[in-house]
């Protein structure tokens, strides 16, 4: 019982750290504005991650392309890892490190948004995708842990959760992702 309580308290501590970090809250607000503007301009939002972060990326993309609170039109958002034929072919023929960069190079256009989720901030396939995104004028939003890792240098908006504990970072990522989805939906569909 005590261990369960400790885990819950760890999660609360991380979220309290977010709540008290005004710079981070302003970054979230700026990311919302950037996404709303992208949708208003006819651009797309792309998500990428690995493992549990890929699941979170897919979940958040579905909140935009499906619905969140409102019954409304779909928004153009997708998780880049959902085409397994593409993913396995590129990983096999080239390298797993380029799976997202190659996709961004092929489909993204200036003004689109790329959201990358990596608890360490050092996932090479996401870092490479952010590099290509920058070359193409794609807005980058990084969801990371405390240090920001390599993604810190490539993110227009860095949401670096104040933790080094992977599960607690992922819990905060989905919470922040839900906040962004809720606010984007409310602002875009006024």
Protein backbone atom coordinates (compact mmCIF):
# COMPACT_ATOMS: atom_id res chain seq x y z
CA UNK A 1 0.00 0.00 0.00
CA UNK A 2 2.81 2.42 0.89
CA UNK A 3 4.56 1.81 -2.43
CA UNK A 4 1.37 2.63 -4.33
CA UNK A 5 1.02 5.88 -2.40
CA UNK A 6 4.66 6.77 -3.12
CA UNK A 7 4.15 6.32 -6.86
CA UNK A 8 1.04 8.52 -6.80
CA UNK A 9 2.93 11.14 -4.77
CA UNK A 10 5.80 11.08 -7.31
CA UNK A 11 3.29 11.82 -10.07
CA UNK A 12 1.71 14.62 -8.05
CA UNK A 13 5.17 16.11 -7.37
CA UNK A 14 6.00 16.22 -11.09
CA UNK A 15 2.66 17.82 -11.94
CA UNK A 16 3.07 20.33 -9.11
CA UNK A 17 6.47 21.20 -10.61
CA UNK A 18 4.73 21.89 -13.92
CA UNK A 19 2.05 23.95 -12.22
CA UNK A 20 4.61 26.17 -10.50
CA UNK A 21 6.79 26.73 -13.60
CA UNK A 22 5.38 29.86 -15.26
CA UNK A 23 7.87 29.68 -18.14
CA UNK A 24 6.74 26.16 -18.96
CA UNK A 25 3.07 27.12 -18.69
CA UNK A 26 3.71 30.03 -21.08
CA UNK A 27 5.46 27.65 -23.48
CA UNK A 28 2.38 25.40 -23.45
CA UNK A 29 0.21 28.44 -24.15
CA UNK A 30 2.49 29.49 -27.05
CA UNK A 31 2.40 25.95 -28.46
CA UNK A 32 -1.41 26.06 -28.41
CA UNK A 33 -1.36 29.36 -30.32
CA UNK A 34 1.09 27.95 -32.89
CA UNK A 35 -1.06 24.85 -33.47
CA UNK A 36 -4.28 26.87 -33.79
CA UNK A 37 -2.57 29.17 -36.30
CA UNK A 38 -1.26 26.20 -38.27
CA UNK A 39 -4.74 24.68 -38.51
CA UNK A 40 -6.22 28.06 -39.51
CA UNK A 41 -3.62 28.30 -42.27
CA UNK A 42 -4.54 24.87 -43.63
CA UNK A 43 -1.45 23.17 -42.26
CA UNK A 44 -1.08 19.76 -40.63
CA UNK A 45 0.17 18.56 -37.25
CA UNK A 46 2.38 15.48 -37.14
CA UNK A 47 3.37 13.45 -34.08
CA UNK A 48 6.25 11.06 -33.47
CA UNK A 49 7.63 9.01 -30.60
CA UNK A 50 9.05 5.60 -29.71
CA UNK A 51 7.52 2.88 -27.53
CA UNK A 52 5.12 4.35 -24.97
CA UNK A 53 5.74 7.79 -26.44
CA UNK A 54 4.62 6.47 -29.85
CA UNK A 55 1.40 5.31 -28.20
CA UNK A 56 0.98 8.78 -26.67
CA UNK A 57 1.73 10.40 -30.05
CA UNK A 58 -0.95 8.28 -31.70
CA UNK A 59 -3.40 9.02 -28.88
CA UNK A 60 -2.91 12.79 -29.18
CA UNK A 61 -3.13 12.76 -32.98
CA UNK A 62 -6.46 10.96 -32.63
CA UNK A 63 -7.74 13.65 -30.26
CA UNK A 64 -7.31 16.16 -33.12
CA UNK A 65 -8.39 14.01 -36.06
CA UNK A 66 -11.26 12.46 -34.09
CA UNK A 67 -12.64 14.69 -31.37
CA UNK A 68 -11.85 15.80 -27.86
CA UNK A 69 -14.86 17.44 -26.15
CA UNK A 70 -16.78 18.87 -29.09
CA UNK A 71 -18.65 17.23 -31.91
CA UNK A 72 -16.78 18.92 -34.73
CA UNK A 73 -14.92 18.49 -38.00
CA UNK A 74 -11.71 16.47 -38.02
CA UNK A 75 -8.43 18.35 -37.83
CA UNK A 76 -5.49 17.27 -40.05
CA UNK A 77 -3.25 15.46 -37.57
CA UNK A 78 -1.52 12.10 -37.68
CA UNK A 79 1.09 10.00 -35.95
CA UNK A 80 3.94 9.21 -38.34
CA UNK A 81 4.56 5.63 -37.18
CA UNK A 82 1.16 4.16 -38.08
CA UNK A 83 2.13 2.86 -41.53
CA UNK A 84 4.02 -0.30 -40.55
CA UNK A 85 4.97 -1.16 -44.15
CA UNK A 86 6.70 2.21 -44.51
CA UNK A 87 8.26 1.99 -41.06
CA UNK A 88 9.73 -1.48 -41.51
CA UNK A 89 10.88 -0.85 -45.08
CA UNK A 90 12.72 2.36 -44.25
CA UNK A 91 14.19 0.91 -41.05
CA UNK A 92 15.38 -2.13 -43.01
CA UNK A 93 16.57 -0.36 -46.18
CA UNK A 94 18.08 2.74 -44.57
CA UNK A 95 18.06 2.98 -40.77
CA UNK A 96 15.59 3.27 -37.91
CA UNK A 97 17.21 6.65 -37.24
CA UNK A 98 15.68 8.16 -40.40
CA UNK A 99 12.11 6.81 -40.24
CA UNK A 100 10.63 10.15 -39.17
CA UNK A 101 13.07 12.46 -40.98
CA UNK A 102 12.36 10.76 -44.30
CA UNK A 103 8.59 11.07 -43.78
CA UNK A 104 8.86 14.76 -42.80
CA UNK A 105 11.02 15.41 -45.85
CA UNK A 106 8.40 13.78 -48.05
CA UNK A 107 5.12 15.15 -46.71
CA UNK A 108 5.61 18.16 -44.44
CA UNK A 109 5.37 21.71 -45.72
CA UNK A 110 6.27 25.09 -44.33
CA UNK A 111 3.94 26.05 -41.48
CA UNK A 112 3.12 22.47 -40.48
CA UNK A 113 3.81 21.42 -36.88
CA UNK A 114 5.87 18.42 -35.75
CA UNK A 115 5.41 17.28 -32.16
CA UNK A 116 8.05 14.85 -30.92
CA UNK A 117 7.76 12.93 -27.66
CA UNK A 118 10.96 11.60 -26.10
CA UNK A 119 11.44 11.28 -22.34
CA UNK A 120 15.22 11.66 -22.71
CA UNK A 121 15.05 14.20 -25.51
CA UNK A 122 17.79 12.20 -27.23
CA UNK A 123 15.86 9.83 -29.52
CA UNK A 124 17.97 10.08 -32.66
CA UNK A 125 15.07 9.45 -35.04
CA UNK A 126 13.15 12.38 -33.52
CA UNK A 127 16.21 14.65 -33.38
CA UNK A 128 16.87 13.95 -37.08
CA UNK A 129 13.21 14.62 -37.91
CA UNK A 130 13.39 17.95 -36.06
CA UNK A 131 16.50 18.82 -38.11
CA UNK A 132 14.66 18.19 -41.39
CA UNK A 133 11.61 20.04 -40.04
CA UNK A 134 13.72 23.12 -39.33
CA UNK A 135 15.09 23.05 -42.90
CA UNK A 136 11.52 22.99 -44.25
CA UNK A 137 10.08 25.71 -41.99
CA UNK A 138 8.05 23.26 -39.92
CA UNK A 139 7.33 24.35 -36.34
CA UNK A 140 8.75 21.91 -33.78
CA UNK A 141 7.32 21.16 -30.35
CA UNK A 142 9.40 18.89 -28.13
CA UNK A 143 7.93 16.93 -25.22
CA UNK A 144 10.89 15.76 -23.11
CA UNK A 145 12.13 15.23 -19.58
CA UNK A 146 13.93 17.80 -17.44
CA UNK A 147 17.12 18.33 -19.46
CA UNK A 148 15.46 18.56 -22.86
CA UNK A 149 18.31 16.46 -24.25
CA UNK A 150 19.36 17.11 -27.84
CA UNK A 151 15.80 18.10 -28.74
CA UNK A 152 16.26 21.28 -26.69
CA UNK A 153 18.35 22.78 -29.50
CA UNK A 154 15.83 21.80 -32.20
CA UNK A 155 12.54 22.71 -30.52
CA UNK A 156 10.73 25.96 -31.21
CA UNK A 157 8.68 25.13 -28.11
CA UNK A 158 10.23 22.83 -25.52
CA UNK A 159 7.95 21.25 -22.95
CA UNK A 160 10.56 19.69 -20.69
CA UNK A 161 8.74 18.01 -17.82
CA UNK A 162 10.67 18.54 -14.56
CA UNK A 163 11.57 14.88 -13.97
CA UNK A 164 14.07 12.20 -14.97
CA UNK A 165 11.68 9.32 -14.16
CA UNK A 166 10.37 7.89 -17.46
CA UNK A 167 6.87 6.81 -16.31
CA UNK A 168 6.29 10.11 -14.49
CA UNK A 169 7.44 12.07 -17.57
CA UNK A 170 5.07 10.07 -19.80
CA UNK A 171 2.17 10.69 -17.41
CA UNK A 172 2.88 14.42 -17.58
CA UNK A 173 3.23 14.30 -21.38
CA UNK A 174 -0.26 12.89 -21.82
CA UNK A 175 -1.67 15.44 -19.38
CA UNK A 176 0.01 18.35 -21.20
CA UNK A 177 -1.07 16.83 -24.52
CA UNK A 178 -4.66 16.73 -23.32
CA UNK A 179 -4.41 20.35 -22.16
CA UNK A 180 -3.15 21.35 -25.60
CA UNK A 181 -5.89 19.38 -27.37
CA UNK A 182 -8.59 20.91 -25.20
CA UNK A 183 -7.38 24.47 -25.68
CA UNK A 184 -6.76 24.09 -29.42
CA UNK A 185 -10.22 22.64 -29.93
CA UNK A 186 -11.84 25.41 -27.88
CA UNK A 187 -9.97 28.19 -29.71
CA UNK A 188 -10.20 26.78 -33.23
CA UNK A 189 -13.91 25.94 -33.02
CA UNK A 190 -15.15 29.10 -31.28
